[in-house]
Protein backbone atom coordinates (compact mmCIF):
# COMPACT_ATOMS: atom_id res chain seq x y z
CA UNK A 1 33.19 19.57 10.59
CA UNK A 2 31.81 16.57 12.57
CA UNK A 3 31.13 13.32 10.74
CA UNK A 4 31.42 15.12 7.40
CA UNK A 5 28.97 17.87 8.44
CA UNK A 6 29.61 21.49 9.35
CA UNK A 7 29.01 22.83 12.83
CA UNK A 8 25.80 24.86 13.08
CA UNK A 9 26.69 28.51 13.62
CA UNK A 10 24.91 31.77 14.36
CA UNK A 11 25.05 32.72 10.65
CA UNK A 12 23.03 29.60 9.88
CA UNK A 13 20.38 30.59 12.39
CA UNK A 14 20.21 34.08 10.90
CA UNK A 15 19.77 32.63 7.41
CA UNK A 16 16.87 30.44 8.58
CA UNK A 17 15.15 33.43 10.17
CA UNK A 18 15.45 35.38 6.93
CA UNK A 19 14.21 32.41 4.88
CA UNK A 20 11.04 31.60 6.82
CA UNK A 21 10.58 34.43 9.32
CA UNK A 22 11.79 34.56 12.91
CA UNK A 23 8.50 33.13 14.24
CA UNK A 24 9.04 29.94 12.23
CA UNK A 25 12.46 29.09 13.67
CA UNK A 26 13.29 27.91 17.16
CA UNK A 27 16.41 26.97 19.09
CA UNK A 28 14.54 26.91 22.40
CA UNK A 29 15.49 23.95 24.58
CA UNK A 30 11.90 22.73 24.86
CA UNK A 31 11.43 22.57 21.08
CA UNK A 32 14.80 20.90 20.56
CA UNK A 33 13.90 18.22 23.11
CA UNK A 34 10.50 17.58 21.52
CA UNK A 35 12.22 17.04 18.18
CA UNK A 36 15.07 14.96 19.64
CA UNK A 37 13.02 11.74 19.61
CA UNK A 38 10.22 9.92 17.86
CA UNK A 39 8.25 6.88 19.06
CA UNK A 40 11.23 4.51 18.86
CA UNK A 41 13.06 3.96 22.18
CA UNK A 42 16.48 5.52 21.62
CA UNK A 43 19.03 8.00 22.89
CA UNK A 44 17.96 11.62 22.70
CA UNK A 45 19.90 13.71 20.14
CA UNK A 46 18.87 17.34 19.95
CA UNK A 47 18.78 19.08 16.57
CA UNK A 48 20.48 22.44 16.19
CA UNK A 49 17.28 24.18 15.10
CA UNK A 50 13.64 23.48 14.31
CA UNK A 51 12.01 25.18 11.32
CA UNK A 52 8.36 25.32 10.29
CA UNK A 53 8.34 26.06 6.52
CA UNK A 54 5.14 27.32 4.90
CA UNK A 55 5.75 26.52 1.22
CA UNK A 56 8.06 24.72 -1.18
CA UNK A 57 9.92 27.94 -2.04
CA UNK A 58 11.10 28.19 1.56
CA UNK A 59 12.02 24.49 1.62
CA UNK A 60 14.02 24.93 -1.58
CA UNK A 61 15.98 27.87 -0.15
CA UNK A 62 16.76 25.96 3.05
CA UNK A 63 17.94 22.84 1.24
CA UNK A 64 20.09 24.78 -1.19
CA UNK A 65 21.77 26.59 1.71
CA UNK A 66 22.14 23.44 3.84
CA UNK A 67 23.67 21.55 0.91
CA UNK A 68 26.26 24.27 0.38
CA UNK A 69 27.03 24.42 4.10
CA UNK A 70 26.79 20.62 4.60
CA UNK A 71 24.18 20.83 7.35
CA UNK A 72 21.96 17.79 7.98
CA UNK A 73 18.24 18.08 7.17
CA UNK A 74 15.60 15.92 8.89
CA UNK A 75 12.03 16.19 7.50
CA UNK A 76 9.43 15.43 10.20
CA UNK A 77 5.69 14.88 10.30
CA UNK A 78 3.96 13.92 13.55
CA UNK A 79 6.94 12.03 14.99
CA UNK A 80 4.82 8.89 15.41
CA UNK A 81 7.33 6.74 13.51
CA UNK A 82 8.31 3.55 15.31
CA UNK A 83 11.76 2.77 13.87
CA UNK A 84 13.71 5.96 14.56
CA UNK A 85 12.87 7.34 11.10
CA UNK A 86 13.12 11.02 12.09
CA UNK A 87 15.76 10.98 14.81
CA UNK A 88 18.27 13.82 14.24
CA UNK A 89 21.23 11.49 14.81
CA UNK A 90 23.67 14.01 13.30
CA UNK A 91 21.95 17.05 14.86
CA UNK A 92 21.24 19.59 12.10
CA UNK A 93 17.94 21.20 11.06
CA UNK A 94 14.54 19.56 11.59
CA UNK A 95 11.87 20.66 9.12
CA UNK A 96 8.49 20.31 10.84
CA UNK A 97 5.59 20.38 8.34
CA UNK A 98 2.82 21.36 10.74
CA UNK A 99 2.27 24.62 8.84
CA UNK A 100 2.09 22.90 5.45
CA UNK A 101 -1.17 21.10 6.22
CA UNK A 102 -3.60 22.20 3.51
CA UNK A 103 -5.73 20.11 1.21
CA UNK A 104 -4.74 21.83 -2.02
CA UNK A 105 -7.58 20.49 -4.17
CA UNK A 106 -10.09 17.65 -4.31
CA UNK A 107 -10.71 16.30 -7.80
CA UNK A 108 -13.76 14.24 -6.95
CA UNK A 109 -14.53 13.46 -10.60
CA UNK A 110 -11.11 11.85 -10.94
CA UNK A 111 -11.11 10.29 -7.43
CA UNK A 112 -8.00 12.28 -6.51
CA UNK A 113 -6.81 14.82 -3.96
CA UNK A 114 -3.66 16.95 -3.79
CA UNK A 115 -2.42 17.64 -0.26
CA UNK A 116 0.51 19.16 1.57
CA UNK A 117 2.65 16.81 3.68
CA UNK A 118 1.40 18.02 7.07
CA UNK A 119 -2.22 16.93 6.54
CA UNK A 120 -3.31 14.39 9.19
CA UNK A 121 -4.75 11.12 7.87
CA UNK A 122 -8.05 11.14 9.79
CA UNK A 123 -8.61 14.82 9.01
CA UNK A 124 -8.17 14.13 5.30
CA UNK A 125 -10.72 11.33 5.33
CA UNK A 126 -13.13 13.53 7.28
CA UNK A 127 -12.88 16.16 4.52
CA UNK A 128 -13.33 13.50 1.83
CA UNK A 129 -16.43 11.94 3.36
CA UNK A 130 -18.93 14.43 1.81
CA UNK A 131 -17.54 13.44 -1.60
CA UNK A 132 -18.11 9.74 -0.77
CA UNK A 133 -14.34 9.19 -1.07
CA UNK A 134 -11.57 7.98 1.21
CA UNK A 135 -7.82 7.27 1.34
CA UNK A 136 -7.73 3.62 2.48
CA UNK A 137 -4.43 2.51 4.15
CA UNK A 138 -5.69 3.18 7.74
CA UNK A 139 -2.57 3.07 9.96
CA UNK A 140 -2.98 2.53 13.69
CA UNK A 141 -1.79 6.10 14.32
CA UNK A 142 -4.41 7.54 11.95
CA UNK A 143 -5.49 10.27 14.38
CA UNK A 144 -2.02 11.88 14.39
CA UNK A 145 0.11 10.62 11.49
CA UNK A 146 0.61 12.90 8.50
CA UNK A 147 0.32 12.08 4.81
CA UNK A 148 3.91 13.19 4.24
CA UNK A 149 5.12 10.75 6.87
CA UNK A 150 2.99 7.98 5.40
CA UNK A 151 4.47 8.57 1.96
CA UNK A 152 8.02 8.75 3.31
CA UNK A 153 7.61 5.37 5.06
CA UNK A 154 5.19 3.74 2.60
CA UNK A 155 2.85 3.25 5.55
CA UNK A 156 -0.11 0.93 5.51
CA UNK A 157 -2.35 -0.51 8.16
CA UNK A 158 -5.52 -2.40 8.80
CA UNK A 159 -6.92 -1.99 5.29
CA UNK A 160 -3.83 -3.23 3.47
CA UNK A 161 -5.08 -6.76 2.87
CA UNK A 162 -7.77 -5.41 0.50
CA UNK A 163 -6.61 -1.92 -0.40
CA UNK A 164 -2.81 -2.07 -0.37
CA UNK A 165 -0.23 0.37 1.00
CA UNK A 166 0.38 4.11 0.55
CA UNK A 167 2.57 3.42 -2.49
CA UNK A 168 -0.47 2.12 -4.37
CA UNK A 169 -2.21 5.53 -4.10
CA UNK A 170 0.50 8.09 -4.86
CA UNK A 171 0.11 9.44 -8.40
CA UNK A 172 2.25 12.56 -8.38
CA UNK A 173 4.69 14.34 -6.08
CA UNK A 174 6.33 17.69 -5.66
CA UNK A 175 9.82 17.05 -4.31
CA UNK A 176 12.61 19.42 -3.34
CA UNK A 177 16.00 17.84 -4.02
CA UNK A 178 19.02 18.46 -1.78
CA UNK A 179 20.38 21.10 -4.18
CA UNK A 180 17.12 23.05 -3.93
CA UNK A 181 15.73 21.98 -7.31
CA UNK A 182 11.98 21.32 -7.34
CA UNK A 183 10.77 18.38 -9.45
CA UNK A 184 7.25 17.03 -10.03
CA UNK A 185 7.39 13.34 -11.00
CA UNK A 186 4.17 11.53 -11.88
CA UNK A 187 0.88 12.71 -13.36
CA UNK A 188 -2.87 12.65 -12.81
CA UNK A 189 -3.19 9.62 -15.08
CA UNK A 190 -3.83 6.38 -13.23
CA UNK A 191 -1.25 4.43 -15.23
CA UNK A 192 1.90 5.11 -17.23
CA UNK A 193 4.66 3.21 -19.01
CA UNK A 194 6.92 6.17 -19.76
CA UNK A 195 10.34 5.98 -18.20
CA UNK A 196 11.52 5.14 -14.69
CA UNK A 197 8.94 5.33 -11.91
CA UNK A 198 10.42 8.18 -9.86
CA UNK A 199 7.28 8.50 -7.75
CA UNK A 200 7.83 5.04 -6.32
CA UNK A 201 11.50 5.82 -5.79
CA UNK A 202 10.59 8.61 -3.38
CA UNK A 203 7.76 6.73 -1.67
CA UNK A 204 9.38 4.85 1.20
CA UNK A 205 12.70 6.71 0.92
CA UNK A 206 12.25 8.16 4.45
CA UNK A 207 13.40 11.65 3.49
CA UNK A 208 16.84 10.42 2.43
CA UNK A 209 16.54 11.63 -1.19
CA UNK A 210 14.57 14.86 -0.90
CA UNK A 211 11.70 16.65 0.81
CA UNK A 212 8.15 15.94 -0.36
CA UNK A 213 6.10 19.15 -0.38
CA UNK A 214 2.92 18.07 -2.20
CA UNK A 215 1.24 14.72 -2.84
CA UNK A 216 -1.47 13.82 -5.34
CA UNK A 217 -3.36 10.78 -4.07
CA UNK A 218 -5.62 8.34 -5.80
CA UNK A 219 -8.79 7.76 -3.75
CA UNK A 220 -11.46 5.09 -3.44
CA UNK A 221 -15.23 5.41 -3.11
CA UNK A 222 -16.66 4.65 0.32
CA UNK A 223 -18.22 1.19 0.39
CA UNK A 224 -22.00 1.19 0.88
CA UNK A 225 -21.78 -1.54 3.51
CA UNK A 226 -19.26 -2.70 6.13
CA UNK A 227 -19.69 -5.84 8.21
CA UNK A 228 -17.46 -6.62 11.16
CA UNK A 229 -17.14 -9.72 13.32
CA UNK A 230 -14.87 -10.83 16.13
CA UNK A 231 -13.82 -14.43 16.80
CA UNK A 232 -12.07 -15.74 19.91
CA UNK A 233 -9.73 -18.74 19.93
CA UNK A 234 -7.98 -20.90 22.51
CA UNK A 235 -4.67 -20.65 20.63
CA UNK A 236 -2.89 -18.15 18.42
CA UNK A 237 -2.03 -20.89 15.92
CA UNK A 238 -5.73 -21.66 15.41
CA UNK A 239 -6.25 -17.99 14.56
CA UNK A 240 -3.44 -17.83 12.03
CA UNK A 241 -4.46 -21.14 10.42
CA UNK A 242 -7.99 -19.81 10.01
CA UNK A 243 -6.62 -16.65 8.39
CA UNK A 244 -4.57 -18.70 5.93
CA UNK A 245 -7.67 -20.61 4.83
CA UNK A 246 -9.76 -17.44 4.50
CA UNK A 247 -7.13 -15.92 2.23
CA UNK A 248 -6.91 -19.09 0.12
CA UNK A 249 -10.69 -19.37 -0.15
CA UNK A 250 -11.15 -16.52 -2.62
CA UNK A 251 -12.80 -14.23 -0.06
CA UNK A 252 -11.55 -10.63 -0.08
CA UNK A 253 -11.65 -9.26 3.47
CA UNK A 254 -10.90 -5.58 3.99
CA UNK A 255 -9.23 -6.45 7.29
CA UNK A 256 -8.10 -9.51 9.26
CA UNK A 257 -6.53 -8.36 12.50
CA UNK A 258 -5.40 -10.54 15.39
CA UNK A 259 -4.56 -9.77 19.02
CA UNK A 260 -3.03 -12.25 21.46
CA UNK A 261 -3.90 -12.57 25.15
CA UNK A 262 -1.26 -10.11 26.38
CA UNK A 263 -2.52 -7.50 23.94
CA UNK A 264 -6.18 -8.11 24.86
CA UNK A 265 -5.34 -7.76 28.57
CA UNK A 266 -3.48 -4.50 27.94
CA UNK A 267 -6.33 -3.09 25.83
CA UNK A 268 -8.88 -3.98 28.50
CA UNK A 269 -6.75 -2.35 31.19
CA UNK A 270 -6.39 0.88 29.24
CA UNK A 271 -9.56 1.11 27.14
CA UNK A 272 -11.95 -0.84 29.43
CA UNK A 273 -13.66 -2.42 26.45
CA UNK A 274 -14.44 -5.74 28.12
CA UNK A 275 -12.98 -7.85 25.32
CA UNK A 276 -13.13 -11.60 25.95
CA UNK A 277 -9.72 -12.58 27.35
CA UNK A 278 -8.92 -15.73 25.39
CA UNK A 279 -5.58 -16.80 23.89
CA UNK A 280 -6.31 -14.85 20.71
CA UNK A 281 -8.91 -12.67 19.05
CA UNK A 282 -9.46 -12.11 15.35
CA UNK A 283 -11.24 -9.07 13.94
CA UNK A 284 -12.63 -9.61 10.45
CA UNK A 285 -14.27 -7.01 8.24
CA UNK A 286 -15.75 -7.02 4.73
CA UNK A 287 -16.62 -4.03 2.54
CA UNK A 288 -19.03 -3.99 -0.40
CA UNK A 289 -22.78 -4.10 -0.95
CA UNK A 290 -25.22 -5.28 1.69
CA UNK A 291 -25.60 -8.63 -0.08
CA UNK A 292 -21.92 -9.23 -0.88
CA UNK A 293 -20.70 -8.40 2.62
CA UNK A 294 -23.36 -10.62 4.22
CA UNK A 295 -22.38 -13.54 1.99
CA UNK A 296 -18.62 -13.09 2.46
CA UNK A 297 -18.89 -12.69 6.21
CA UNK A 298 -21.02 -15.80 6.55
CA UNK A 299 -18.46 -17.80 4.55
CA UNK A 300 -15.64 -16.43 6.74
CA UNK A 301 -17.54 -17.32 9.93
CA UNK A 302 -17.87 -20.88 8.66
CA UNK A 303 -14.08 -21.11 8.27
CA UNK A 304 -13.55 -19.62 11.72
CA UNK A 305 -15.91 -22.20 13.27
CA UNK A 306 -14.06 -24.96 11.43
CA UNK A 307 -10.79 -23.87 13.04
CA UNK A 308 -12.21 -23.89 16.54
CA UNK A 309 -13.46 -20.39 17.28
CA UNK A 310 -14.83 -20.58 20.82
CA UNK A 311 -17.00 -17.50 20.38
CA UNK A 312 -18.20 -15.51 17.37
CA UNK A 313 -19.86 -12.13 17.49
CA UNK A 314 -21.00 -9.82 14.67
CA UNK A 315 -21.19 -6.07 15.26
CA UNK A 316 -24.85 -5.02 15.29
CA UNK A 317 -24.32 -1.39 14.25
CA UNK A 318 -21.70 1.25 13.49
CA UNK A 319 -21.24 2.14 17.16
CA UNK A 320 -20.36 -1.44 18.06
CA UNK A 321 -18.08 -1.64 15.02
CA UNK A 322 -16.24 1.47 16.23
CA UNK A 323 -15.87 -0.04 19.71
CA UNK A 324 -14.29 -3.19 18.29
CA UNK A 325 -11.92 -1.15 16.15
CA UNK A 326 -11.02 1.01 19.15
CA UNK A 327 -9.66 -2.16 20.72
CA UNK A 328 -7.48 -2.92 17.72
CA UNK A 329 -6.28 0.66 17.25
CA UNK A 330 -5.51 0.86 20.96
CA UNK A 331 -3.28 -2.23 20.89
CA UNK A 332 0.13 -0.59 20.65
CA UNK A 333 -0.67 2.42 22.90
CA UNK A 334 -1.95 -0.05 25.52
CA UNK A 335 1.20 -2.18 25.30
CA UNK A 336 3.37 0.94 25.37
CA UNK A 337 1.93 1.69 28.82
CA UNK A 338 2.84 -1.82 29.99
CA UNK A 339 6.63 -1.49 29.67
CA UNK A 340 9.06 1.45 29.82
CA UNK A 341 10.49 0.95 26.30
CA UNK A 342 8.65 -1.63 24.20
CA UNK A 343 10.17 -2.49 20.82
CA UNK A 344 7.50 -3.12 18.19
CA UNK A 345 8.41 -5.48 15.39
CA UNK A 346 7.04 -5.13 11.86
CA UNK A 347 7.94 -8.30 9.98
CA UNK A 348 6.03 -9.59 6.97
CA UNK A 349 6.08 -13.20 5.79
CA UNK A 350 4.19 -15.15 3.10
CA UNK A 351 0.67 -15.92 4.33
CA UNK A 352 1.47 -19.64 4.58
CA UNK A 353 4.23 -18.81 7.09
CA UNK A 354 2.21 -16.67 9.54
CA UNK A 355 1.87 -19.48 12.07
CA UNK A 356 5.61 -20.22 11.81
CA UNK A 357 6.73 -16.66 12.52
CA UNK A 358 4.32 -16.16 15.42
CA UNK A 359 5.34 -19.47 17.01
CA UNK A 360 9.02 -18.61 16.54
CA UNK A 361 8.53 -15.19 18.17
CA UNK A 362 7.00 -16.73 21.31
CA UNK A 363 9.65 -19.46 21.51
CA UNK A 364 12.51 -16.99 21.09
CA UNK A 365 11.14 -14.64 23.74
CA UNK A 366 10.71 -17.54 26.17
CA UNK A 367 14.23 -18.80 25.45
CA UNK A 368 15.73 -15.39 26.25
CA UNK A 369 13.35 -14.75 29.18
CA UNK A 370 11.71 -11.67 27.68
CA UNK A 371 7.99 -10.90 27.80
CA UNK A 372 6.37 -10.62 24.37
CA UNK A 373 2.95 -9.71 22.98
CA UNK A 374 1.76 -10.18 19.41
CA UNK A 375 -0.81 -8.53 17.17
CA UNK A 376 -0.96 -7.55 13.54
CA UNK A 377 -2.43 -7.61 10.07
CA UNK A 378 -2.61 -11.34 9.64
CA UNK A 379 -4.45 -11.06 6.31
CA UNK A 380 -1.28 -9.88 4.57
CA UNK A 381 1.29 -11.62 6.77
CA UNK A 382 2.30 -8.46 8.65
CA UNK A 383 2.99 -9.37 12.29
CA UNK A 384 3.89 -6.98 15.11
CA UNK A 385 5.74 -8.85 17.87
CA UNK A 386 6.11 -6.35 20.73
CA UNK A 387 9.11 -7.03 22.96
CA UNK A 388 8.52 -5.59 26.43
CA UNK A 389 11.84 -3.91 27.20
CA UNK A 390 13.46 -1.36 29.49
CA UNK A 391 16.52 0.61 28.34
CA UNK A 392 17.53 1.29 31.95
CA UNK A 393 17.99 -2.45 32.53
CA UNK A 394 21.06 -3.13 30.40
CA UNK A 395 20.86 -6.91 30.59
CA UNK A 396 17.14 -6.99 29.76
CA UNK A 397 17.65 -4.52 26.90
CA UNK A 398 20.38 -6.71 25.38
CA UNK A 399 18.15 -9.78 25.57
CA UNK A 400 15.23 -7.82 24.09
CA UNK A 401 17.25 -6.59 21.11
CA UNK A 402 18.51 -10.15 20.59
CA UNK A 403 14.89 -11.34 20.41
CA UNK A 404 14.16 -8.71 17.76
CA UNK A 405 17.24 -9.70 15.77
CA UNK A 406 16.33 -13.39 15.77
CA UNK A 407 12.70 -12.75 14.78
CA UNK A 408 13.65 -10.48 11.86
CA UNK A 409 16.38 -12.85 10.66
CA UNK A 410 13.96 -15.76 10.74
CA UNK A 411 11.27 -13.76 8.89
CA UNK A 412 13.73 -12.98 6.09
CA UNK A 413 14.72 -16.66 5.91
CA UNK A 414 11.04 -17.48 5.33
CA UNK A 415 10.99 -15.20 2.29
CA UNK A 416 9.79 -12.21 4.28
CA UNK A 417 11.01 -8.71 5.02
CA UNK A 418 12.24 -6.70 8.01
CA UNK A 419 9.53 -4.04 7.77
CA UNK A 420 6.09 -3.94 6.21
CA UNK A 421 4.93 -0.44 7.11
CA UNK A 422 7.12 1.21 9.78
CA UNK A 423 10.15 1.73 7.55
CA UNK A 424 13.82 1.12 8.31
CA UNK A 425 14.94 4.24 10.18
CA UNK A 426 17.88 3.59 12.47
CA UNK A 427 16.48 0.40 13.98
CA UNK A 428 16.36 -1.99 11.04
CA UNK A 429 19.19 -0.82 8.81
CA UNK A 430 21.34 -3.67 10.19
CA UNK A 431 19.07 -6.08 8.28
CA UNK A 432 19.26 -4.35 4.90
CA UNK A 433 22.21 -6.37 3.62
CA UNK A 434 20.61 -9.64 4.68
CA UNK A 435 17.33 -8.79 2.98
CA UNK A 436 18.57 -7.08 -0.20
CA UNK A 437 21.99 -8.59 -0.86
CA UNK A 438 23.73 -7.10 -3.89
CA UNK A 439 20.75 -4.81 -4.61
CA UNK A 440 21.75 -2.71 -1.61
CA UNK A 441 24.73 -1.30 -3.50
CA UNK A 442 22.44 0.06 -6.20
CA UNK A 443 20.35 1.79 -3.52
CA UNK A 444 23.51 3.38 -2.14
CA UNK A 445 24.53 4.50 -5.63
CA UNK A 446 21.16 6.23 -6.09
CA UNK A 447 21.60 7.96 -2.74
CA UNK A 448 25.08 9.20 -3.70
CA UNK A 449 23.79 10.47 -7.05
CA UNK A 450 20.82 12.41 -5.66
CA UNK A 451 22.36 13.49 -2.36
CA UNK A 452 26.17 13.51 -2.79
CA UNK A 453 26.73 15.43 0.46
CA UNK A 454 24.44 13.04 2.35
CA UNK A 455 22.59 15.85 4.12
CA UNK A 456 19.14 14.26 3.80
CA UNK A 457 18.06 12.47 6.98
CA UNK A 458 21.50 10.95 7.61
CA UNK A 459 21.81 7.64 9.43
CA UNK A 460 18.56 6.22 8.11
CA UNK A 461 18.06 3.09 5.94
CA UNK A 462 21.83 2.55 5.62
CA UNK A 463 25.09 4.34 6.40
CA UNK A 464 27.46 5.77 3.80
C-alpha cells in the first residue's frame, strides 16, 4: 500500500483485459506518458494502466474491482483541462472515454440530447445544427473538449454571459459510483422540486464522486441573427468600465470578450489575423432577431464610444465574424507558445470589480517582475490572467506562483471565486478553505460518504 492505495499488480492488469478486452487496455510507455499530464504545467506522474471502456457495464465492473482493491481511478476526456484536473497524482487506472463518444438520441421536440461523455463539443453542435439546436457554453477548447469533461468541471466559455454554464443545461445523468452501482439522477423535465439536486452535485465534482457515463442536455434554438463588433481602446480600464456600463444598461449581449495588448500581439504572431494592436480589444456579440440585434448592437456601440473606443468595426458577414472569433479562441494557444509553462488564471469577480482585479493583476506581476497577459469573459466577470512562467527557472517559477496566489486571494476578497470554468484540480485546492470556509467540511463529508476509500480522482479539489 502507498498513500492508502494498493500497488498495481499483474492480476489487476489481467482483470482489466478480461473486463474490456485486451485491445482496450494499455501499459505501453507511450500511452502512459500521454496520460501522465494534462494542459496544466506540472510534474509528470504516469498511471499504471490506461483503459478505454465502451459502456457503463464495463465502467461498473472496473470501479467495483478498483474499490475492493483500493486502486485509484482517474476519468479523462480530452486532457485539455487547465488546472491539473486529470493528473494521475497517485498513479492508478486512467479511464479514457474516447470510445464512449456516441450521441445516444436527439429529442428535438423537447430541445434535448442524450450523449456519452466522450462526445466532442464542436462535433455535437455540428450534429445539432440540422435540428436548429445548439448547446451554448462555447469553451475556448471547443474543438477538442468533451461533454463529459465539461460536465465534470462545470465548464463555460464565451457564451456564458447570456447562456450560462454547463450546469444550467444538464437535466439527467447516468453515474457509476465507486462501488460499481449505477444511478440515474434527474429527469427529462425542465424543472423539479423533489428532493436534493443530485445532478448538480455531480456537475463540477471533477470525477471525485463517480464516473459519468451518459448526459442528457437541455438545448437552445439557434438564433436567427448574430451581430458581432470589435472595439479598440487605449487602456484596459476603459474596456472594463465600458463592459460594466453595458451590463448595467439592460442590454443582453451573448458575449463580451476582452484581450489586452500582449494577447493581441501573441494572436497576431500565431494566427496572422492583423488585429489592431492597441492596449485592449473588446469583442461584443448579440443574438436574436435581425431587428433586436441591430438595436442592441447600436446601443452597445454608443456606450463603447462614450468610454473612448479609438476604433469600432462591425463584422460584415459570417466569414468576418469567424475571423474575429478565431482571434479570441486562439488567445490561450497563442500565449502558450510565448512561454514554456504559462499559468492561466480563472478568477471571477462581481462585474463592478472587473477593473479592480485586472489592475491588481498587472500591478502584482510588475511588483514581482513577472510578465503577464490578460483576456477573458468580461461580461460575467471571468478574467484569465496568464502568468508567463518557466518551471525550469526555479526563481521565476516561485515568483509566478506567488503572482497567481495574490491574484486569487484578492479576487476572493472582492466577493469572487478562485475558478469560474476551469475547475479546481490540483492547482487551486489551496484556495478552497479561503473561499468556502466552514462549508468545506460538508463537501469533505459528502466525499467520504460516496467514496469512502477515496479512489475517485484522488488529490483533486481537496485532500483527505
